[in-house]
Amino acid sequence: MLCAASDPDRLADLKRAAVDSRWEVVGGASGIEELAKEVQGWSPDVVVVDASLGPEAAARIRASYPPARVVGVGRVLGADVEVGSLDGVKAAVLDLPPRAGPVIR
């Protein structure tokens, strides 16, 4: 999992809200340009994005690593799921459907 927000303080808040024993928070970005680099570098399954990054955040994630699922904190255009507060981040991650893949028979 990767977290992204527009400033380091908000990023720290997102990371605290997202950390859990069931997954690893591998990185963070405190700007839209840094977000694209981090997503390409880590190829995370899930990216938790604060709405403060702006309307292009989810599109940048999908352009950098299409399989990533996006959890928006606040209104994030193109997110797979949005939550209204940091308290909902873990539940949103757990409720994401598994990534689709090829059918193996």
Protein backbone atom coordinates (compact mmCIF):
# COMPACT_ATOMS: atom_id res chain seq x y z
CA MET A 1 0.00 0.00 0.00
CA LEU A 2 1.10 3.52 -0.78
CA CYS A 3 -0.31 6.74 0.69
CA ALA A 4 -0.41 10.18 -0.93
CA ALA A 5 -1.41 13.67 0.19
CA SER A 6 -0.53 17.24 -0.70
CA ASP A 7 1.66 17.91 2.34
CA PRO A 8 3.87 15.88 4.70
CA ASP A 9 1.63 16.34 7.76
CA ARG A 10 -1.44 15.02 5.96
CA LEU A 11 0.65 12.19 4.51
CA ALA A 12 1.70 11.19 8.03
CA ASP A 13 -1.99 11.18 9.06
CA LEU A 14 -2.87 8.92 6.11
CA LYS A 15 -0.08 6.49 6.92
CA ARG A 16 -1.18 6.26 10.56
CA ALA A 17 -4.76 5.62 9.46
CA ALA A 18 -3.71 2.99 6.91
CA VAL A 19 -1.18 0.95 8.84
CA ASP A 20 -2.37 -2.54 9.74
CA SER A 21 -0.84 -5.92 10.49
CA ARG A 22 -2.54 -7.40 7.39
CA TRP A 23 -0.59 -5.32 4.86
CA GLU A 24 2.52 -3.21 4.47
CA VAL A 25 2.62 0.52 3.83
CA VAL A 26 5.57 0.70 1.45
CA GLY A 27 5.82 4.37 0.62
CA GLY A 28 4.31 7.78 0.50
CA ALA A 29 4.09 10.81 -1.73
CA SER A 30 3.47 14.41 -0.78
CA GLY A 31 2.76 15.74 -4.27
CA ILE A 32 1.36 14.68 -7.63
CA GLU A 33 4.75 14.33 -9.35
CA GLU A 34 6.16 12.31 -6.47
CA LEU A 35 3.01 10.15 -6.56
CA ALA A 36 3.67 8.99 -10.14
CA LYS A 37 7.28 8.08 -9.30
CA GLU A 38 6.33 6.20 -6.12
CA VAL A 39 3.58 4.24 -7.88
CA GLN A 40 5.94 3.24 -10.69
CA GLY A 41 8.64 2.29 -8.22
CA TRP A 42 6.53 0.28 -5.78
CA SER A 43 3.69 -1.10 -7.97
CA PRO A 44 1.34 -1.09 -4.96
CA ASP A 45 -1.88 -3.09 -4.83
CA VAL A 46 -3.65 -0.17 -3.11
CA VAL A 47 -3.03 3.58 -3.06
CA VAL A 48 -4.74 5.69 -0.40
CA VAL A 49 -5.10 9.21 -1.79
CA ASP A 50 -6.18 12.36 -0.01
CA ALA A 51 -8.51 14.62 -1.98
CA SER A 52 -6.04 17.46 -1.45
CA LEU A 53 -3.94 16.07 -4.31
CA GLY A 54 -6.58 17.22 -6.77
CA PRO A 55 -8.81 15.65 -9.40
CA GLU A 56 -6.01 14.16 -11.49
CA ALA A 57 -4.55 11.95 -8.74
CA ALA A 58 -6.38 8.71 -9.58
CA ALA A 59 -5.72 9.16 -13.30
CA ARG A 60 -2.00 9.58 -12.61
CA ILE A 61 -2.00 6.41 -10.51
CA ARG A 62 -3.78 4.43 -13.23
CA ALA A 63 -1.40 5.77 -15.90
CA SER A 64 1.60 4.74 -13.78
CA TYR A 65 0.31 1.32 -12.66
CA PRO A 66 -3.15 0.33 -13.98
CA PRO A 67 -3.79 -2.62 -11.61
CA ALA A 68 -3.59 -0.41 -8.50
CA ARG A 69 -6.83 0.09 -6.61
CA VAL A 70 -7.47 3.60 -5.32
CA VAL A 71 -9.05 4.52 -1.99
CA GLY A 72 -9.94 8.20 -1.87
CA VAL A 73 -10.15 10.09 1.39
CA GLY A 74 -12.67 12.75 0.42
CA ARG A 75 -13.80 13.26 -3.17
CA VAL A 76 -11.22 11.65 -5.48
CA LEU A 77 -12.40 11.44 -9.07
CA GLY A 78 -11.87 7.92 -10.41
CA ALA A 79 -11.24 6.23 -7.06
CA ASP A 80 -12.48 2.68 -6.59
CA VAL A 81 -13.95 3.70 -3.26
CA GLU A 82 -14.14 6.93 -1.25
CA VAL A 83 -14.31 7.44 2.49
CA GLY A 84 -15.33 10.57 4.31
CA SER A 85 -12.66 10.41 6.99
CA LEU A 86 -9.45 8.70 8.00
CA ASP A 87 -11.45 6.39 10.26
CA GLY A 88 -12.84 4.59 7.20
CA VAL A 89 -9.54 3.82 5.44
CA LYS A 90 -8.91 0.30 6.81
CA ALA A 91 -12.49 -0.84 6.25
CA ALA A 92 -12.40 0.52 2.69
CA VAL A 93 -9.19 -1.37 1.95
CA LEU A 94 -10.67 -4.59 3.32
CA ASP A 95 -13.85 -4.12 1.27
CA LEU A 96 -12.04 -3.65 -2.05
CA PRO A 97 -12.75 -6.49 -4.45
CA PRO A 98 -9.73 -8.58 -5.43
CA ARG A 99 -7.94 -7.57 -8.59
CA ALA A 100 -9.26 -9.31 -11.67
CA GLY A 101 -6.88 -11.60 -13.46
CA PRO A 102 -6.84 -14.33 -16.03
CA VAL A 103 -9.05 -17.32 -15.48
CA ILE A 104 -6.94 -20.42 -14.92
CA ARG A 105 -8.58 -23.74 -15.59
